[in-house]
Every structure is written in C-alpha cells, then in structure tokens.
C-alpha cells in the first residue's frame, strides 16, 4: 500500500494562473502523454492521495493526471486566492494548458471535484469526452454540515488535537470494514491539514463551498458519456443525486451502484471501484 509520503515523492508541480494570482499545483502523472488524458479530481477535505489505489488501472492505456486542487494537499495553501469550485474549474483548465494537454480529456471525480468536473463538461462540452463522477456535489446537494463548520473562523485557531479528532471522525468513522485496513488512508488524509498553514487553508477551503456553483449549471448541456459510479450508503451525497444527473445529461449515461460504501467510496471498495473504472473506459 502506498503511503502519503511515497505518493508525495511521486508528484511533480507547476505554477498556473488562478484569477490574478499564480499558484503552485502539485500533481501525479502516469501513463503515456501521447495517449488520451484522464484527470482524477478529489474533493474536500481530501487530496490526490485519494486515488492512489485506482489510477493504475488506466495507466497502461491512458495518460493519467491527478492534481491536488488549489489550497489542498501539496498545492499552494497561502491566503489570498479563491478555492471555490468555480476557481478549481479554472485551475484545471489552466493546468491542462500549462502541461500541453490536448482536449478533449476525460474526468474522474469525487465530491467537490465532481462539481468542478461537471462545470467544465457543461461550459465546454467539446472539452470532455467521458465523465465518471462518484458521490459528487451537484444541484443543491451541498455543502454538508461538517464542512460548513470547518469554515467557521474558530477553525483557524482550533487546537490541533481537536482538529485531528474531527478529521479522525470524518475519515476513520466514515469507512466500511476494519479500521486497521484504512490506517494509511486516514493518516494520509489528515497530514496536509495538521500544520498552521494547513489548518488555515482547510478553513478557507471549507468557506469556499458554495451551492450556487452547481445550481447555476445547465446539466442538459453535458454531452460527455457519464458514469455515476456511486457508493449507495452515502448520507452526504445520496445516490438519488447521481440518478437525477444521469437522467438530465444529454450524453449517454448510466448509474453503477457500489455496495458497502459510504462517502469515501474509492477507499471503501477499491477493487470494485477499479472494476467500475475499467468498464467505463473499456480496459
């Protein structure tokens, strides 16, 4: 199993434009850059380490990118730039330009990464060929109370022991199966936030969650083939939203329900998730 230190060692970074700022974005890259590109987008409060057990299923056939969104993981965390889903859409577009990636691309996305992916697919339909969304924010499904509370001013001064306890609850208590099997995941997900800079950035990320950024979308404009690869026992992003999304998009769509999964579907059932990805991409 890959640890978060090992994942970090495999990342590269570049500087991209975001509004009027230049921000550093860390990313994992695999496969052949000459192949069609698949971008993996994480949510809150995770980072690209989320995808460590699943990106390999596509690397033999596709060029794979897994960035840390602005304000997350090993990307820039300083104060003064927008971390909203709108901004992450721009970050993604500019990152692809910076790396010389041709469109269309395909997107695999979880949580608010799904919101950014849906925005790109709706605003520039020709840029997205295939879209796999998992327990993603859409319509008015978010924000959720835990994340909203992290955006309160008190978070920036919260005792690290209390913050870690909250993150243990969000990650460790929100997983299926034996906790020992998920230890690397929980430790890796907590790591970026347990510094003064990380704690402040987490609060800023949480403050930037905004329902308007998905309620304003025209989902019928999405022409990409859409697979809703959804954990069915998620109370934060219920599968009913995935079903609604599959009905509304203009492209071919399907809902694939993954059993024994809460919100962290990629971690709960990595083998089933890899199978779902392989089916969606025909590998």
Protein backbone atom coordinates (compact mmCIF):
# COMPACT_ATOMS: atom_id res chain seq x y z
CA UNK A 1 0.00 0.00 0.00
CA UNK A 2 1.27 3.44 -0.93
CA UNK A 3 1.82 5.83 1.98
CA UNK A 4 1.22 9.56 1.70
CA UNK A 5 4.97 10.18 1.85
CA UNK A 6 5.50 7.80 -1.07
CA UNK A 7 2.69 9.44 -3.03
CA UNK A 8 4.16 12.91 -2.40
CA UNK A 9 7.54 11.70 -3.67
CA UNK A 10 5.89 10.73 -6.97
CA UNK A 11 4.31 14.16 -7.51
CA UNK A 12 5.52 16.95 -9.76
CA UNK A 13 4.42 20.58 -9.57
CA UNK A 14 3.88 23.58 -11.80
CA UNK A 15 2.63 27.13 -11.45
CA UNK A 16 -0.71 28.05 -13.01
CA UNK A 17 -2.78 31.19 -13.24
CA UNK A 18 -5.77 31.49 -10.94
CA UNK A 19 -7.66 34.77 -11.15
CA UNK A 20 -4.92 37.40 -10.84
CA UNK A 21 -2.57 35.07 -8.96
CA UNK A 22 0.00 32.45 -9.80
CA UNK A 23 -0.39 29.35 -7.62
CA UNK A 24 1.65 26.18 -7.37
CA UNK A 25 -0.24 23.00 -8.20
CA UNK A 26 1.12 19.56 -7.31
CA UNK A 27 0.07 16.61 -9.43
CA UNK A 28 0.66 12.93 -10.03
CA UNK A 29 1.28 11.86 -13.63
CA UNK A 30 1.32 8.39 -15.13
CA UNK A 31 0.98 6.63 -18.47
CA UNK A 32 2.00 7.92 -21.89
CA UNK A 33 1.39 11.65 -22.51
CA UNK A 34 0.67 10.79 -26.14
CA UNK A 35 -2.45 8.88 -25.07
CA UNK A 36 -5.87 10.32 -24.24
CA UNK A 37 -5.72 12.10 -20.88
CA UNK A 38 -7.82 11.13 -17.86
CA UNK A 39 -7.80 13.60 -14.96
CA UNK A 40 -8.69 12.47 -11.42
CA UNK A 41 -10.21 15.19 -9.22
CA UNK A 42 -10.58 14.83 -5.45
CA UNK A 43 -12.91 16.64 -3.06
CA UNK A 44 -12.87 18.17 0.43
CA UNK A 45 -11.07 17.55 2.76
CA UNK A 46 -9.04 15.09 0.68
CA UNK A 47 -6.22 15.42 -1.89
CA UNK A 48 -4.93 13.39 -4.81
CA UNK A 49 -3.75 10.65 -2.40
CA UNK A 50 -7.40 9.55 -2.58
CA UNK A 51 -6.67 7.94 -5.96
CA UNK A 52 -3.52 6.02 -5.04
CA UNK A 53 -5.15 2.58 -5.35
CA UNK A 54 -7.10 3.15 -8.57
CA UNK A 55 -5.09 5.26 -11.06
CA UNK A 56 -3.02 2.24 -12.06
CA UNK A 57 -5.95 0.54 -13.75
CA UNK A 58 -5.85 3.15 -16.54
CA UNK A 59 -2.13 3.90 -16.81
CA UNK A 60 -1.46 1.19 -19.37
CA UNK A 61 -3.93 2.68 -21.84
CA UNK A 62 -4.26 6.36 -20.89
CA UNK A 63 -2.28 9.38 -19.82
CA UNK A 64 -3.27 9.96 -16.19
CA UNK A 65 -3.15 13.17 -14.14
CA UNK A 66 -4.22 13.55 -10.52
CA UNK A 67 -3.74 17.13 -9.26
CA UNK A 68 -4.07 18.48 -5.76
CA UNK A 69 -6.60 21.26 -6.14
CA UNK A 70 -5.52 24.79 -5.23
CA UNK A 71 -5.47 25.03 -1.44
CA UNK A 72 -5.23 21.26 -0.92
CA UNK A 73 -2.58 18.59 -0.39
CA UNK A 74 0.81 19.70 -1.66
CA UNK A 75 -0.53 22.58 -3.76
CA UNK A 76 -0.38 26.22 -2.67
CA UNK A 77 -2.09 26.91 0.67
CA UNK A 78 -1.29 30.56 1.32
CA UNK A 79 -4.10 33.05 1.95
CA UNK A 80 -5.39 35.32 -0.77
CA UNK A 81 -6.78 33.22 -3.64
CA UNK A 82 -10.14 31.69 -4.45
CA UNK A 83 -10.58 27.96 -3.68
CA UNK A 84 -14.21 27.65 -4.83
CA UNK A 85 -15.48 25.08 -7.31
CA UNK A 86 -15.58 27.88 -9.89
CA UNK A 87 -11.91 28.57 -9.24
CA UNK A 88 -10.99 24.87 -9.38
CA UNK A 89 -12.59 24.66 -12.81
CA UNK A 90 -10.27 27.46 -13.94
CA UNK A 91 -7.30 25.83 -12.23
CA UNK A 92 -7.96 22.60 -14.12
CA UNK A 93 -8.26 24.35 -17.46
CA UNK A 94 -5.06 26.31 -16.89
CA UNK A 95 -3.19 23.24 -15.62
CA UNK A 96 -4.06 21.35 -18.79
CA UNK A 97 -2.85 24.30 -20.87
CA UNK A 98 0.38 24.52 -18.88
CA UNK A 99 1.08 20.81 -19.37
CA UNK A 100 0.22 20.97 -23.08
CA UNK A 101 -2.70 18.55 -22.79
CA UNK A 102 -4.98 18.48 -25.81
CA UNK A 103 -8.76 18.39 -25.44
CA UNK A 104 -10.97 16.51 -25.19
CA UNK A 105 -9.98 14.88 -21.91
CA UNK A 106 -11.89 12.56 -19.62
CA UNK A 107 -12.54 13.28 -15.95
CA UNK A 108 -12.93 11.02 -12.91
CA UNK A 109 -14.16 13.00 -9.94
CA UNK A 110 -15.31 12.68 -6.34
CA UNK A 111 -17.12 15.12 -4.03
CA UNK A 112 -16.42 18.78 -4.95
CA UNK A 113 -14.01 17.57 -7.61
CA UNK A 114 -17.21 16.35 -9.24
CA UNK A 115 -18.57 19.88 -9.11
CA UNK A 116 -15.51 21.22 -10.93
CA UNK A 117 -15.72 18.40 -13.49
CA UNK A 118 -19.42 19.00 -14.12
CA UNK A 119 -18.76 22.72 -14.62
CA UNK A 120 -16.11 22.03 -17.25
CA UNK A 121 -18.33 19.48 -19.00
CA UNK A 122 -21.30 21.89 -19.02
CA UNK A 123 -19.37 25.02 -20.02
CA UNK A 124 -17.15 23.42 -22.67
CA UNK A 125 -18.86 20.21 -23.81
CA UNK A 126 -16.33 19.54 -26.55
CA UNK A 127 -13.51 19.52 -23.99
CA UNK A 128 -14.80 16.49 -22.05
CA UNK A 129 -15.22 13.09 -23.70
CA UNK A 130 -16.09 10.90 -20.72
CA UNK A 131 -17.09 11.76 -17.17
CA UNK A 132 -17.05 9.38 -14.20
CA UNK A 133 -18.49 11.01 -11.09
CA UNK A 134 -18.59 9.43 -7.66
CA UNK A 135 -20.64 10.75 -4.75
CA UNK A 136 -20.18 14.16 -6.30
CA UNK A 137 -21.69 17.50 -5.38
CA UNK A 138 -24.36 18.58 -7.86
CA UNK A 139 -27.56 20.59 -7.89
CA UNK A 140 -28.31 21.59 -4.27
CA UNK A 141 -26.75 18.53 -2.61
CA UNK A 142 -24.17 20.51 -0.63
CA UNK A 143 -22.43 21.87 1.39
CA UNK A 144 -22.67 19.47 4.31
CA UNK A 145 -22.66 20.47 7.98
CA UNK A 146 -19.23 19.04 8.82
CA UNK A 147 -17.56 21.01 6.02
CA UNK A 148 -19.53 24.19 6.70
CA UNK A 149 -18.45 24.07 10.34
CA UNK A 150 -14.81 23.80 9.31
CA UNK A 151 -15.29 27.13 7.53
CA UNK A 152 -16.12 28.96 10.74
CA UNK A 153 -13.45 31.42 11.97
CA UNK A 154 -12.72 29.27 15.03
CA UNK A 155 -11.13 26.58 12.84
CA UNK A 156 -8.07 28.73 12.14
CA UNK A 157 -7.21 28.71 15.84
CA UNK A 158 -8.51 25.27 16.75
CA UNK A 159 -6.26 23.12 18.89
CA UNK A 160 -4.54 20.55 16.67
CA UNK A 161 -5.65 17.73 18.93
CA UNK A 162 -9.28 18.77 18.43
CA UNK A 163 -8.81 19.21 14.69
CA UNK A 164 -7.25 15.78 14.39
CA UNK A 165 -10.14 14.30 16.36
CA UNK A 166 -12.61 15.87 13.94
CA UNK A 167 -10.69 14.52 10.97
CA UNK A 168 -10.48 11.08 12.58
CA UNK A 169 -14.24 11.16 12.89
CA UNK A 170 -14.74 12.31 9.27
CA UNK A 171 -12.38 9.76 7.78
CA UNK A 172 -11.91 6.85 10.18
CA UNK A 173 -15.52 6.63 11.38
CA UNK A 174 -16.84 7.10 7.87
CA UNK A 175 -15.32 3.97 6.35
CA UNK A 176 -16.53 0.42 5.84
CA UNK A 177 -14.72 -2.56 7.30
CA UNK A 178 -11.81 -2.92 9.69
CA UNK A 179 -10.23 0.41 10.69
CA UNK A 180 -6.77 -1.17 10.55
CA UNK A 181 -7.20 -1.69 6.80
CA UNK A 182 -7.62 2.05 6.30
CA UNK A 183 -4.88 3.37 8.56
CA UNK A 184 -2.67 4.63 5.70
CA UNK A 185 -5.66 6.40 4.16
CA UNK A 186 -6.67 8.17 7.37
CA UNK A 187 -3.12 9.23 8.23
CA UNK A 188 -2.52 10.42 4.69
CA UNK A 189 -5.70 12.44 4.51
CA UNK A 190 -5.01 14.19 7.82
CA UNK A 191 -1.37 15.01 7.11
CA UNK A 192 -1.76 18.17 4.96
CA UNK A 193 -4.01 19.88 7.50
CA UNK A 194 -2.02 19.33 10.70
CA UNK A 195 0.21 22.40 10.34
CA UNK A 196 -0.65 26.04 10.96
CA UNK A 197 -0.73 26.70 7.21
CA UNK A 198 -2.79 23.59 6.55
CA UNK A 199 -5.29 24.31 9.30
CA UNK A 200 -5.92 27.81 7.95
CA UNK A 201 -6.15 26.54 4.39
CA UNK A 202 -8.71 23.90 5.38
CA UNK A 203 -10.88 26.63 6.85
CA UNK A 204 -10.55 28.72 3.68
CA UNK A 205 -11.37 25.68 1.52
CA UNK A 206 -14.47 24.98 3.60
CA UNK A 207 -15.60 28.61 3.43
CA UNK A 208 -15.40 28.46 -0.37
CA UNK A 209 -18.05 25.72 -0.70
CA UNK A 210 -21.00 27.37 -2.43
CA UNK A 211 -24.19 25.67 -3.61
CA UNK A 212 -24.67 28.33 -6.29
CA UNK A 213 -21.71 26.91 -8.19
CA UNK A 214 -23.68 23.78 -9.06
CA UNK A 215 -27.27 25.06 -9.03
CA UNK A 216 -26.33 27.53 -11.79
CA UNK A 217 -25.31 24.77 -14.23
CA UNK A 218 -27.26 23.61 -17.27
CA UNK A 219 -26.76 19.86 -16.91
CA UNK A 220 -28.52 19.21 -20.20
CA UNK A 221 -25.53 20.86 -21.93
CA UNK A 222 -23.26 17.97 -20.89
CA UNK A 223 -22.66 15.78 -23.94
CA UNK A 224 -19.92 13.60 -22.43
CA UNK A 225 -20.66 9.96 -21.71
CA UNK A 226 -21.43 9.93 -17.98
CA UNK A 227 -21.00 7.11 -15.50
CA UNK A 228 -22.24 7.76 -11.97
CA UNK A 229 -20.04 5.30 -10.07
CA UNK A 230 -21.72 5.83 -6.74
CA UNK A 231 -21.44 4.49 -3.21
CA UNK A 232 -25.01 3.70 -2.23
CA UNK A 233 -24.87 4.20 1.55
CA UNK A 234 -23.64 7.80 1.46
CA UNK A 235 -25.84 10.12 3.53
CA UNK A 236 -23.90 13.23 2.44
CA UNK A 237 -24.27 12.77 -1.32
CA UNK A 238 -27.13 10.27 -1.77
CA UNK A 239 -27.33 8.13 -4.89
CA UNK A 240 -30.60 9.88 -5.82
CA UNK A 241 -28.49 12.82 -6.98
CA UNK A 242 -26.48 10.54 -9.24
CA UNK A 243 -29.71 9.15 -10.68
CA UNK A 244 -31.00 12.66 -11.32
CA UNK A 245 -27.75 13.62 -13.01
CA UNK A 246 -27.82 10.57 -15.27
CA UNK A 247 -31.34 11.49 -16.36
CA UNK A 248 -30.53 15.14 -17.10
CA UNK A 249 -27.31 14.97 -19.13
CA UNK A 250 -27.52 14.90 -22.90
CA UNK A 251 -24.85 12.24 -23.41
CA UNK A 252 -25.10 8.51 -22.80
CA UNK A 253 -25.31 7.82 -19.09
CA UNK A 254 -25.53 5.06 -16.52
CA UNK A 255 -25.62 4.67 -12.77
CA UNK A 256 -23.36 1.99 -11.30
CA UNK A 257 -24.16 1.34 -7.63
CA UNK A 258 -21.33 0.18 -5.39
CA UNK A 259 -22.50 -1.68 -2.31
CA UNK A 260 -20.96 -1.48 1.18
CA UNK A 261 -19.74 2.05 0.60
CA UNK A 262 -20.18 5.35 2.38
CA UNK A 263 -18.90 8.70 1.06
CA UNK A 264 -15.25 7.61 0.71
CA UNK A 265 -16.23 5.13 -1.97
CA UNK A 266 -12.75 4.97 -3.54
CA UNK A 267 -11.28 3.81 -0.24
CA UNK A 268 -14.21 1.66 0.87
CA UNK A 269 -14.19 -0.61 -2.17
CA UNK A 270 -11.03 -0.01 -4.26
CA UNK A 271 -11.30 -3.29 -6.15
CA UNK A 272 -14.94 -2.68 -7.12
CA UNK A 273 -14.04 0.91 -7.99
CA UNK A 274 -11.21 -0.25 -10.25
CA UNK A 275 -13.59 -2.63 -11.97
CA UNK A 276 -16.09 0.18 -12.48
CA UNK A 277 -13.39 2.39 -13.99
CA UNK A 278 -12.17 -0.40 -16.24
CA UNK A 279 -15.69 -0.95 -17.53
CA UNK A 280 -16.30 2.77 -18.08
CA UNK A 281 -13.08 3.15 -20.07
CA UNK A 282 -13.14 -0.19 -21.82
CA UNK A 283 -9.85 -1.57 -20.46
